[in-house]
Amino acid sequence: MKHTIEVENFRPHRSGTLYGFVTVFIPQMHLRIRELTVHEKNGQRWVGLPARPQLTKDGSVRRDDQTGKVLYANILEITDRATRDAFSECTIASLVAGFPEAFNGEAAS
């Protein structure tokens, strides 16, 4: 069964490669996924599945020792590269069709 991915909304948020967040709906599965990240770098665009911040034993957010960036744990995972790439490509196409301004503007500093 072929699945359709519909981007229901886009929330811009520029930071590095991040352009914002989307909610997608896959009608054939009656599945809505919120807070997918949308990225672009060097002409390549991709979508990241939702993740949650990793926490330390004391409940604070865990950060990378070298960069200081927050570390995240996957909530959902597409386990093979071809399917992951197809999902990302289809989502980006739906995003651009519904929100053509999504990739406008300069990268955030």
PDB file of N, CA and C in Angstrom:
ATOM      1  N   MET A   1       0.846  -1.189   0.000  1.00  0.00           N
ATOM      2  CA  MET A   1       0.000   0.000   0.000  1.00  0.00           C
ATOM      3  C   MET A   1       0.887   1.247   0.000  1.00  0.00           C
ATOM      4  N   LYS A   2       0.628   2.142  -0.924  1.00  0.00           N
ATOM      5  CA  LYS A   2       1.347   3.403  -0.975  1.00  0.00           C
ATOM      6  C   LYS A   2       0.696   4.386  -0.001  1.00  0.00           C
ATOM      7  N   HIS A   3       1.530   5.138   0.704  1.00  0.00           N
ATOM      8  CA  HIS A   3       1.026   6.082   1.688  1.00  0.00           C
ATOM      9  C   HIS A   3       1.240   7.525   1.221  1.00  0.00           C
ATOM     10  N   THR A   4       0.298   8.361   1.568  1.00  0.00           N
ATOM     11  CA  THR A   4       0.362   9.785   1.281  1.00  0.00           C
ATOM     12  C   THR A   4       0.788  10.504   2.550  1.00  0.00           C
ATOM     13  N   ILE A   5       1.694  11.458   2.417  1.00  0.00           N
ATOM     14  CA  ILE A   5       2.108  12.274   3.558  1.00  0.00           C
ATOM     15  C   ILE A   5       1.628  13.692   3.316  1.00  0.00           C
ATOM     16  N   GLU A   6       0.780  14.168   4.206  1.00  0.00           N
ATOM     17  CA  GLU A   6       0.248  15.530   4.119  1.00  0.00           C
ATOM     18  C   GLU A   6       0.853  16.369   5.239  1.00  0.00           C
ATOM     19  N   VAL A   7       1.474  17.489   4.888  1.00  0.00           N
ATOM     20  CA  VAL A   7       1.959  18.415   5.902  1.00  0.00           C
ATOM     21  C   VAL A   7       0.784  19.307   6.297  1.00  0.00           C
ATOM     22  N   GLU A   8       0.380  19.204   7.548  1.00  0.00           N
ATOM     23  CA  GLU A   8      -0.782  19.970   8.020  1.00  0.00           C
ATOM     24  C   GLU A   8      -0.418  21.376   8.470  1.00  0.00           C
ATOM     25  N   ASN A   9       0.756  21.544   9.040  1.00  0.00           N
ATOM     26  CA  ASN A   9       1.174  22.887   9.422  1.00  0.00           C
ATOM     27  C   ASN A   9       2.686  22.969   9.479  1.00  0.00           C
ATOM     28  N   PHE A  10       3.173  24.185   9.429  1.00  0.00           N
ATOM     29  CA  PHE A  10       4.601  24.468   9.485  1.00  0.00           C
ATOM     30  C   PHE A  10       4.818  25.612  10.451  1.00  0.00           C
ATOM     31  N   ARG A  11       5.751  25.420  11.376  1.00  0.00           N
ATOM     32  CA  ARG A  11       6.104  26.470  12.334  1.00  0.00           C
ATOM     33  C   ARG A  11       7.575  26.818  12.117  1.00  0.00           C
ATOM     34  N   PRO A  12       7.854  27.988  11.524  1.00  0.00           N
ATOM     35  CA  PRO A  12       9.246  28.366  11.268  1.00  0.00           C
ATOM     36  C   PRO A  12      10.029  28.526  12.572  1.00  0.00           C
ATOM     37  N   HIS A  13      11.272  28.112  12.549  1.00  0.00           N
ATOM     38  CA  HIS A  13      12.185  28.313  13.680  1.00  0.00           C
ATOM     39  C   HIS A  13      13.599  28.111  13.151  1.00  0.00           C
ATOM     40  N   ARG A  14      14.309  29.206  12.896  1.00  0.00           N
ATOM     41  CA  ARG A  14      15.638  29.123  12.287  1.00  0.00           C
ATOM     42  C   ARG A  14      16.722  28.993  13.345  1.00  0.00           C
ATOM     43  N   SER A  15      17.571  27.981  13.153  1.00  0.00           N
ATOM     44  CA  SER A  15      18.743  27.777  14.000  1.00  0.00           C
ATOM     45  C   SER A  15      19.654  26.780  13.299  1.00  0.00           C
ATOM     46  N   GLY A  16      20.808  27.238  12.828  1.00  0.00           N
ATOM     47  CA  GLY A  16      21.717  26.351  12.098  1.00  0.00           C
ATOM     48  C   GLY A  16      21.034  25.788  10.870  1.00  0.00           C
ATOM     49  N   THR A  17      20.971  24.459  10.754  1.00  0.00           N
ATOM     50  CA  THR A  17      20.311  23.819   9.609  1.00  0.00           C
ATOM     51  C   THR A  17      18.801  23.755   9.760  1.00  0.00           C
ATOM     52  N   LEU A  18      18.307  24.001  10.960  1.00  0.00           N
ATOM     53  CA  LEU A  18      16.870  23.890  11.246  1.00  0.00           C
ATOM     54  C   LEU A  18      16.090  25.054  10.636  1.00  0.00           C
ATOM     55  N   TYR A  19      15.035  24.711   9.907  1.00  0.00           N
ATOM     56  CA  TYR A  19      14.146  25.719   9.337  1.00  0.00           C
ATOM     57  C   TYR A  19      12.815  25.781  10.072  1.00  0.00           C
ATOM     58  N   GLY A  20      12.458  24.728  10.790  1.00  0.00           N
ATOM     59  CA  GLY A  20      11.205  24.753  11.520  1.00  0.00           C
ATOM     60  C   GLY A  20      10.696  23.361  11.836  1.00  0.00           C
ATOM     61  N   PHE A  21       9.416  23.331  12.205  1.00  0.00           N
ATOM     62  CA  PHE A  21       8.762  22.102  12.641  1.00  0.00           C
ATOM     63  C   PHE A  21       7.468  21.897  11.857  1.00  0.00           C
ATOM     64  N   VAL A  22       7.147  20.645  11.567  1.00  0.00           N
ATOM     65  CA  VAL A  22       5.914  20.334  10.853  1.00  0.00           C
ATOM     66  C   VAL A  22       5.132  19.248  11.592  1.00  0.00           C
ATOM     67  N   THR A  23       3.840  19.241  11.301  1.00  0.00           N
ATOM     68  CA  THR A  23       2.963  18.138  11.676  1.00  0.00           C
ATOM     69  C   THR A  23       2.551  17.477  10.376  1.00  0.00           C
ATOM     70  N   VAL A  24       2.687  16.141  10.310  1.00  0.00           N
ATOM     71  CA  VAL A  24       2.278  15.406   9.117  1.00  0.00           C
ATOM     72  C   VAL A  24       1.135  14.467   9.459  1.00  0.00           C
ATOM     73  N   PHE A  25       0.344  14.173   8.435  1.00  0.00           N
ATOM     74  CA  PHE A  25      -0.764  13.226   8.570  1.00  0.00           C
ATOM     75  C   PHE A  25      -0.635  12.204   7.450  1.00  0.00           C
ATOM     76  N   ILE A  26      -0.713  10.922   7.799  1.00  0.00           N
ATOM     77  CA  ILE A  26      -0.690   9.832   6.829  1.00  0.00           C
ATOM     78  C   ILE A  26      -2.075   9.207   6.853  1.00  0.00           C
ATOM     79  N   PRO A  27      -2.971   9.618   5.919  1.00  0.00           N
ATOM     80  CA  PRO A  27      -4.382   9.208   5.967  1.00  0.00           C
ATOM     81  C   PRO A  27      -4.586   7.693   5.961  1.00  0.00           C
ATOM     82  N   GLN A  28      -3.793   6.967   5.189  1.00  0.00           N
ATOM     83  CA  GLN A  28      -3.986   5.524   5.076  1.00  0.00           C
ATOM     84  C   GLN A  28      -3.739   4.809   6.407  1.00  0.00           C
ATOM     85  N   MET A  29      -2.967   5.409   7.275  1.00  0.00           N
ATOM     86  CA  MET A  29      -2.671   4.820   8.580  1.00  0.00           C
ATOM     87  C   MET A  29      -3.424   5.502   9.715  1.00  0.00           C
ATOM     88  N   HIS A  30      -4.166   6.572   9.382  1.00  0.00           N
ATOM     89  CA  HIS A  30      -4.835   7.386  10.405  1.00  0.00           C
ATOM     90  C   HIS A  30      -3.807   7.841  11.448  1.00  0.00           C
ATOM     91  N   LEU A  31      -2.641   8.265  10.959  1.00  0.00           N
ATOM     92  CA  LEU A  31      -1.511   8.599  11.820  1.00  0.00           C
ATOM     93  C   LEU A  31      -1.108  10.054  11.642  1.00  0.00           C
ATOM     94  N   ARG A  32      -1.014  10.770  12.757  1.00  0.00           N
ATOM     95  CA  ARG A  32      -0.529  12.150  12.774  1.00  0.00           C
ATOM     96  C   ARG A  32       0.759  12.150  13.599  1.00  0.00           C
ATOM     97  N   ILE A  33       1.797  12.772  13.052  1.00  0.00           N
ATOM     98  CA  ILE A  33       3.075  12.882  13.762  1.00  0.00           C
ATOM     99  C   ILE A  33       3.386  14.373  13.886  1.00  0.00           C
ATOM    100  N   ARG A  34       3.602  14.800  15.107  1.00  0.00           N
ATOM    101  CA  ARG A  34       3.873  16.215  15.393  1.00  0.00           C
ATOM    102  C   ARG A  34       5.365  16.438  15.650  1.00  0.00           C
ATOM    103  N   GLU A  35       5.784  17.661  15.427  1.00  0.00           N
ATOM    104  CA  GLU A  35       7.134  18.118  15.788  1.00  0.00           C
ATOM    105  C   GLU A  35       8.263  17.438  15.023  1.00  0.00           C
ATOM    106  N   LEU A  36       8.044  17.157  13.732  1.00  0.00           N
ATOM    107  CA  LEU A  36       9.157  16.730  12.890  1.00  0.00           C
ATOM    108  C   LEU A  36       9.996  17.967  12.605  1.00  0.00           C
ATOM    109  N   THR A  37      11.303  17.808  12.607  1.00  0.00           N
ATOM    110  CA  THR A  37      12.180  18.934  12.301  1.00  0.00           C
ATOM    111  C   THR A  37      12.456  18.969  10.804  1.00  0.00           C
ATOM    112  N   VAL A  38      12.595  20.171  10.258  1.00  0.00           N
ATOM    113  CA  VAL A  38      12.867  20.366   8.829  1.00  0.00           C
ATOM    114  C   VAL A  38      14.201  21.085   8.709  1.00  0.00           C
ATOM    115  N   HIS A  39      15.109  20.504   7.910  1.00  0.00           N
ATOM    116  CA  HIS A  39      16.468  21.017   7.798  1.00  0.00           C
ATOM    117  C   HIS A  39      16.873  21.239   6.343  1.00  0.00           C
ATOM    118  N   GLU A  40      17.863  22.128   6.175  1.00  0.00           N
ATOM    119  CA  GLU A  40      18.502  22.317   4.877  1.00  0.00           C
ATOM    120  C   GLU A  40      19.959  22.700   5.103  1.00  0.00           C
ATOM    121  N   LYS A  41      20.855  22.055   4.331  1.00  0.00           N
ATOM    122  CA  LYS A  41      22.273  22.402   4.376  1.00  0.00           C
ATOM    123  C   LYS A  41      22.891  22.010   3.037  1.00  0.00           C
ATOM    124  N   ASN A  42      23.637  22.942   2.458  1.00  0.00           N
ATOM    125  CA  ASN A  42      24.341  22.697   1.189  1.00  0.00           C
ATOM    126  C   ASN A  42      23.403  22.160   0.107  1.00  0.00           C
ATOM    127  N   GLY A  43      22.194  22.713   0.034  1.00  0.00           N
ATOM    128  CA  GLY A  43      21.241  22.306  -0.994  1.00  0.00           C
ATOM    129  C   GLY A  43      20.503  21.014  -0.696  1.00  0.00           C
ATOM    130  N   GLN A  44      20.817  20.358   0.395  1.00  0.00           N
ATOM    131  CA  GLN A  44      20.135  19.124   0.791  1.00  0.00           C
ATOM    132  C   GLN A  44      19.074  19.446   1.839  1.00  0.00           C
ATOM    133  N   ARG A  45      17.895  18.865   1.677  1.00  0.00           N
ATOM    134  CA  ARG A  45      16.795  19.062   2.621  1.00  0.00           C
ATOM    135  C   ARG A  45      16.402  17.714   3.202  1.00  0.00           C
ATOM    136  N   TRP A  46      16.059  17.708   4.492  1.00  0.00           N
ATOM    137  CA  TRP A  46      15.633  16.468   5.129  1.00  0.00           C
ATOM    138  C   TRP A  46      14.742  16.766   6.317  1.00  0.00           C
ATOM    139  N   VAL A  47      14.097  15.698   6.788  1.00  0.00           N
ATOM    140  CA  VAL A  47      13.176  15.774   7.912  1.00  0.00           C
ATOM    141  C   VAL A  47      13.701  14.866   9.017  1.00  0.00           C
ATOM    142  N   GLY A  48      13.638  15.353  10.239  1.00  0.00           N
ATOM    143  CA  GLY A  48      13.998  14.545  11.402  1.00  0.00           C
ATOM    144  C   GLY A  48      12.741  14.162  12.161  1.00  0.00           C
ATOM    145  N   LEU A  49      12.687  12.928  12.604  1.00  0.00           N
ATOM    146  CA  LEU A  49      11.545  12.468  13.390  1.00  0.00           C
ATOM    147  C   LEU A  49      11.609  13.050  14.797  1.00  0.00           C
ATOM    148  N   PRO A  50      10.462  13.089  15.501  1.00  0.00           N
ATOM    149  CA  PRO A  50      10.444  13.668  16.849  1.00  0.00           C
ATOM    150  C   PRO A  50      11.425  12.947  17.778  1.00  0.00           C
ATOM    151  N   ALA A  51      12.011  13.714  18.677  1.00  0.00           N
ATOM    152  CA  ALA A  51      12.927  13.183  19.675  1.00  0.00           C
ATOM    153  C   ALA A  51      12.699  13.951  20.979  1.00  0.00           C
ATOM    154  N   ARG A  52      13.195  13.383  22.061  1.00  0.00           N
ATOM    155  CA  ARG A  52      13.067  14.062  23.348  1.00  0.00           C
ATOM    156  C   ARG A  52      14.460  14.281  23.922  1.00  0.00           C
ATOM    157  N   PRO A  53      14.635  15.322  24.711  1.00  0.00           N
ATOM    158  CA  PRO A  53      15.950  15.555  25.311  1.00  0.00           C
ATOM    159  C   PRO A  53      16.317  14.416  26.267  1.00  0.00           C
ATOM    160  N   GLN A  54      17.583  14.030  26.246  1.00  0.00           N
ATOM    161  CA  GLN A  54      18.066  13.048  27.215  1.00  0.00           C
ATOM    162  C   GLN A  54      18.220  13.740  28.563  1.00  0.00           C
ATOM    163  N   LEU A  55      17.950  12.994  29.628  1.00  0.00           N
ATOM    164  CA  LEU A  55      18.054  13.554  30.973  1.00  0.00           C
ATOM    165  C   LEU A  55      19.119  12.808  31.772  1.00  0.00           C
ATOM    166  N   THR A  56      19.768  13.522  32.677  1.00  0.00           N
ATOM    167  CA  THR A  56      20.720  12.900  33.587  1.00  0.00           C
ATOM    168  C   THR A  56      19.951  12.283  34.749  1.00  0.00           C
ATOM    169  N   LYS A  57      20.661  11.584  35.638  1.00  0.00           N
ATOM    170  CA  LYS A  57      20.015  10.954  36.797  1.00  0.00           C
ATOM    171  C   LYS A  57      19.310  11.964  37.691  1.00  0.00           C
ATOM    172  N   ASP A  58      19.825  13.195  37.724  1.00  0.00           N
ATOM    173  CA  ASP A  58      19.184  14.221  38.569  1.00  0.00           C
ATOM    174  C   ASP A  58      18.066  14.973  37.849  1.00  0.00           C
ATOM    175  N   GLY A  59      17.787  14.587  36.592  1.00  0.00           N
ATOM    176  CA  GLY A  59      16.670  15.174  35.853  1.00  0.00           C
ATOM    177  C   GLY A  59      17.011  16.385  35.017  1.00  0.00           C
ATOM    178  N   SER A  60      18.281  16.788  34.985  1.00  0.00           N
ATOM    179  CA  SER A  60      18.651  17.926  34.141  1.00  0.00           C
ATOM    180  C   SER A  60      18.932  17.437  32.720  1.00  0.00           C
ATOM    181  N   VAL A  61      18.903  18.359  31.783  1.00  0.00           N
ATOM    182  CA  VAL A  61      19.120  18.026  30.376  1.00  0.00           C
ATOM    183  C   VAL A  61      20.583  17.671  30.165  1.00  0.00           C
ATOM    184  N   ARG A  62      20.816  16.576  29.470  1.00  0.00           N
ATOM    185  CA  ARG A  62      22.172  16.117  29.171  1.00  0.00           C
ATOM    186  C   ARG A  62      22.704  16.842  27.939  1.00  0.00           C
ATOM    187  N   ARG A  63      23.965  17.262  28.005  1.00  0.00           N
ATOM    188  CA  ARG A  63      24.582  18.001  26.907  1.00  0.00           C
ATOM    189  C   ARG A  63      25.871  17.318  26.448  1.00  0.00           C
ATOM    190  N   ASP A  64      26.196  17.518  25.173  1.00  0.00           N
ATOM    191  CA  ASP A  64      27.439  17.009  24.618  1.00  0.00           C
ATOM    192  C   ASP A  64      28.609  17.698  25.314  1.00  0.00           C
ATOM    193  N   ASP A  65      29.595  16.927  25.749  1.00  0.00           N
ATOM    194  CA  ASP A  65      30.735  17.478  26.480  1.00  0.00           C
ATOM    195  C   ASP A  65      31.546  18.471  25.663  1.00  0.00           C
ATOM    196  N   GLN A  66      31.634  18.260  24.346  1.00  0.00           N
ATOM    197  CA  GLN A  66      32.464  19.129  23.511  1.00  0.00           C
ATOM    198  C   GLN A  66      31.720  20.350  22.995  1.00  0.00           C
ATOM    199  N   THR A  67      30.475  20.169  22.545  1.00  0.00           N
ATOM    200  CA  THR A  67      29.756  21.281  21.922  1.00  0.00           C
ATOM    201  C   THR A  67      28.794  21.990  22.861  1.00  0.00           C
ATOM    202  N   GLY A  68      28.392  21.321  23.925  1.00  0.00           N
ATOM    203  CA  GLY A  68      27.413  21.905  24.844  1.00  0.00           C
ATOM    204  C   GLY A  68      25.987  21.807  24.344  1.00  0.00           C
ATOM    205  N   LYS A  69      25.788  21.187  23.180  1.00  0.00           N
ATOM    206  CA  LYS A  69      24.438  21.058  22.619  1.00  0.00           C
ATOM    207  C   LYS A  69      23.656  19.972  23.353  1.00  0.00           C
ATOM    208  N   VAL A  70      22.341  20.173  23.432  1.00  0.00           N
ATOM    209  CA  VAL A  70      21.454  19.199  24.064  1.00  0.00           C
ATOM    210  C   VAL A  70      21.496  17.890  23.273  1.00  0.00           C
ATOM    211  N   LEU A  71      21.527  16.770  23.984  1.00  0.00           N
ATOM    212  CA  LEU A  71      21.483  15.452  23.362  1.00  0.00           C
ATOM    213  C   LEU A  71      20.049  14.949  23.356  1.00  0.00           C
ATOM    214  N   TYR A  72      19.651  14.292  22.269  1.00  0.00           N
ATOM    215  CA  TYR A  72      18.269  13.828  22.110  1.00  0.00           C
ATOM    216  C   TYR A  72      18.218  12.313  21.948  1.00  0.00           C
ATOM    217  N   ALA A  73      17.096  11.734  22.370  1.00  0.00           N
ATOM    218  CA  ALA A  73      16.833  10.304  22.191  1.00  0.00           C
ATOM    219  C   ALA A  73      15.678  10.159  21.205  1.00  0.00           C
ATOM    220  N   ASN A  74      15.803   9.204  20.277  1.00  0.00           N
ATOM    221  CA  ASN A  74      14.745   8.964  19.291  1.00  0.00           C
ATOM    222  C   ASN A  74      13.470   8.491  19.971  1.00  0.00           C
ATOM    223  N   ILE A  75      12.348   8.956  19.450  1.00  0.00           N
ATOM    224  CA  ILE A  75      11.034   8.469  19.866  1.00  0.00           C
ATOM    225  C   ILE A  75      10.519   7.494  18.814  1.00  0.00           C
ATOM    226  N   LEU A  76      10.688   7.865  17.551  1.00  0.00           N
ATOM    227  CA  LEU A  76      10.318   7.029  16.416  1.00  0.00           C
ATOM    228  C   LEU A  76      11.571   6.792  15.585  1.00  0.00           C
ATOM    229  N   GLU A  77      11.597   5.660  14.876  1.00  0.00           N
ATOM    230  CA  GLU A  77      12.741   5.372  14.029  1.00  0.00           C
ATOM    231  C   GLU A  77      12.286   4.625  12.777  1.00  0.00           C
ATOM    232  N   ILE A  78      12.742   5.085  11.630  1.00  0.00           N
ATOM    233  CA  ILE A  78      12.557   4.349  10.381  1.00  0.00           C
ATOM    234  C   ILE A  78      13.857   3.575  10.196  1.00  0.00           C
ATOM    235  N   THR A  79      13.764   2.262  10.175  1.00  0.00           N
ATOM    236  CA  THR A  79      14.946   1.430  10.345  1.00  0.00           C
ATOM    237  C   THR A  79      15.773   1.172   9.091  1.00  0.00           C
ATOM    238  N   ASP A  80      15.277   1.530   7.911  1.00  0.00           N
ATOM    239  CA  ASP A  80      16.134   1.346   6.737  1.00  0.00           C
ATOM    240  C   ASP A  80      16.267   2.660   5.977  1.00  0.00           C
ATOM    241  N   ARG A  81      17.427   2.842   5.392  1.00  0.00           N
ATOM    242  CA  ARG A  81      17.797   4.102   4.744  1.00  0.00           C
ATOM    243  C   ARG A  81      16.867   4.471   3.590  1.00  0.00           C
ATOM    244  N   ALA A  82      16.513   3.513   2.749  1.00  0.00           N
ATOM    245  CA  ALA A  82      15.678   3.812   1.582  1.00  0.00           C
ATOM    246  C   ALA A  82      14.310   4.333   2.013  1.00  0.00           C
ATOM    247  N   THR A  83      13.716   3.710   3.003  1.00  0.00           N
ATOM    248  CA  THR A  83      12.407   4.153   3.489  1.00  0.00           C
ATOM    249  C   THR A  83      12.525   5.509   4.176  1.00  0.00           C
ATOM    250  N   ARG A  84      13.574   5.688   4.963  1.00  0.00           N
ATOM    251  CA  ARG A  84      13.808   6.962   5.653  1.00  0.00           C
ATOM    252  C   ARG A  84      13.963   8.087   4.636  1.00  0.00           C
ATOM    253  N   ASP A  85      14.762   7.846   3.589  1.00  0.00           N
ATOM    254  CA  ASP A  85      14.959   8.860   2.547  1.00  0.00           C
ATOM    255  C   ASP A  85      13.658   9.161   1.808  1.00  0.00           C
ATOM    256  N   ALA A  86      12.883   8.120   1.485  1.00  0.00           N
ATOM    257  CA  ALA A  86      11.607   8.306   0.783  1.00  0.00           C
ATOM    258  C   ALA A  86      10.632   9.097   1.639  1.00  0.00           C
ATOM    259  N   PHE A  87      10.569   8.793   2.936  1.00  0.00           N
ATOM    260  CA  PHE A  87       9.696   9.521   3.857  1.00  0.00           C
ATOM    261  C   PHE A  87      10.094  10.994   3.893  1.00  0.00           C
ATOM    262  N   SER A  88      11.381  11.249   4.002  1.00  0.00           N
ATOM    263  CA  SER A  88      11.876  12.618   4.057  1.00  0.00           C
ATOM    264  C   SER A  88      11.571  13.365   2.760  1.00  0.00           C
ATOM    265  N   GLU A  89      11.848  12.750   1.612  1.00  0.00           N
ATOM    266  CA  GLU A  89      11.596  13.391   0.316  1.00  0.00           C
ATOM    267  C   GLU A  89      10.113  13.711   0.126  1.00  0.00           C
ATOM    268  N   CYS A  90       9.259  12.776   0.477  1.00  0.00           N
ATOM    269  CA  CYS A  90       7.814  12.974   0.329  1.00  0.00           C
ATOM    270  C   CYS A  90       7.318  14.086   1.258  1.00  0.00           C
ATOM    271  N   THR A  91       7.845  14.111   2.482  1.00  0.00           N
ATOM    272  CA  THR A  91       7.453  15.149   3.441  1.00  0.00           C
ATOM    273  C   THR A  91       7.907  16.522   2.968  1.00  0.00           C
ATOM    274  N   ILE A  92       9.140  16.619   2.488  1.00  0.00           N
ATOM    275  CA  ILE A  92       9.654  17.905   1.991  1.00  0.00           C
ATOM    276  C   ILE A  92       8.830  18.374   0.791  1.00  0.00           C
ATOM    277  N   ALA A  93       8.478  17.472  -0.112  1.00  0.00           N
ATOM    278  CA  ALA A  93       7.657  17.844  -1.278  1.00  0.00           C
ATOM    279  C   ALA A  93       6.300  18.367  -0.831  1.00  0.00           C
ATOM    280  N   SER A  94       5.693  17.722   0.143  1.00  0.00           N
ATOM    281  CA  SER A  94       4.401  18.172   0.660  1.00  0.00           C
ATOM    282  C   SER A  94       4.534  19.519   1.362  1.00  0.00           C
ATOM    283  N   LEU A  95       5.629  19.702   2.085  1.00  0.00           N
ATOM    284  CA  LEU A  95       5.872  20.977   2.769  1.00  0.00           C
ATOM    285  C   LEU A  95       6.000  22.114   1.761  1.00  0.00           C
ATOM    286  N   VAL A  96       6.815  21.923   0.743  1.00  0.00           N
ATOM    287  CA  VAL A  96       7.030  22.972  -0.261  1.00  0.00           C
ATOM    288  C   VAL A  96       5.745  23.273  -1.026  1.00  0.00           C
ATOM    289  N   ALA A  97       4.939  22.242  -1.298  1.00  0.00           N
ATOM    290  CA  ALA A  97       3.662  22.456  -1.995  1.00  0.00           C
ATOM    291  C   ALA A  97       2.695  23.273  -1.146  1.00  0.00           C
ATOM    292  N   GLY A  98       2.641  22.988   0.139  1.00  0.00           N
ATOM    293  CA  GLY A  98       1.685  23.670   1.013  1.00  0.00           C
ATOM    294  C   GLY A  98       2.193  24.952   1.634  1.00  0.00           C
ATOM    295  N   PHE A  99       3.510  25.041   1.788  1.00  0.00           N
ATOM    296  CA  PHE A  99       4.134  26.198   2.439  1.00  0.00           C
ATOM    297  C   PHE A  99       5.370  26.603   1.637  1.00  0.00           C
ATOM    298  N   PRO A 100       5.170  27.209   0.448  1.00  0.00           N
ATOM    299  CA  PRO A 100       6.299  27.508  -0.435  1.00  0.00           C
ATOM    300  C   PRO A 100       7.339  28.436   0.185  1.00  0.00           C
ATOM    301  N   GLU A 101       6.970  29.156   1.213  1.00  0.00           N
ATOM    302  CA  GLU A 101       7.904  30.081   1.873  1.00  0.00           C
ATOM    303  C   GLU A 101       8.785  29.397   2.919  1.00  0.00           C
ATOM    304  N   ALA A 102       8.599  28.114   3.148  1.00  0.00           N
ATOM    305  CA  ALA A 102       9.265  27.406   4.245  1.00  0.00           C
ATOM    306  C   ALA A 102      10.783  27.527   4.219  1.00  0.00           C
ATOM    307  N   PHE A 103      11.392  27.554   3.043  1.00  0.00           N
ATOM    308  CA  PHE A 103      12.848  27.610   2.959  1.00  0.00           C
ATOM    309  C   PHE A 103      13.357  28.975   2.528  1.00  0.00           C
ATOM    310  N   ASN A 104      12.510  29.991   2.640  1.00  0.00           N
ATOM    311  CA  ASN A 104      12.940  31.357   2.328  1.00  0.00           C
ATOM    312  C   ASN A 104      13.773  31.902   3.471  1.00  0.00           C
ATOM    313  N   GLY A 105      14.604  32.842   3.159  1.00  0.00           N
ATOM    314  CA  GLY A 105      15.362  33.537   4.207  1.00  0.00           C
ATOM    315  C   GLY A 105      16.740  32.971   4.419  1.00  0.00           C
ATOM    316  N   GLU A 106      17.516  33.715   5.145  1.00  0.00           N
ATOM    317  CA  GLU A 106      18.899  33.349   5.430  1.00  0.00           C
ATOM    318  C   GLU A 106      18.968  32.477   6.668  1.00  0.00           C
ATOM    319  N   ALA A 107      20.042  31.747   6.795  1.00  0.00           N
ATOM    320  CA  ALA A 107      20.274  30.926   7.972  1.00  0.00           C
ATOM    321  C   ALA A 107      20.411  31.815   9.204  1.00  0.00           C
ATOM    322  N   ALA A 108      19.937  31.309  10.317  1.00  0.00           N
ATOM    323  CA  ALA A 108      20.072  32.031  11.582  1.00  0.00           C
ATOM    324  C   ALA A 108      21.521  32.003  12.013  1.00  0.00           C
ATOM    325  N   SER A 109      21.928  33.044  12.684  1.00  0.00           N
ATOM    326  CA  SER A 109      23.336  33.082  13.152  1.00  0.00           C
ATOM    327  C   SER A 109      23.461  32.525  14.537  1.00  0.00           C
TER     328      SER A 109
END
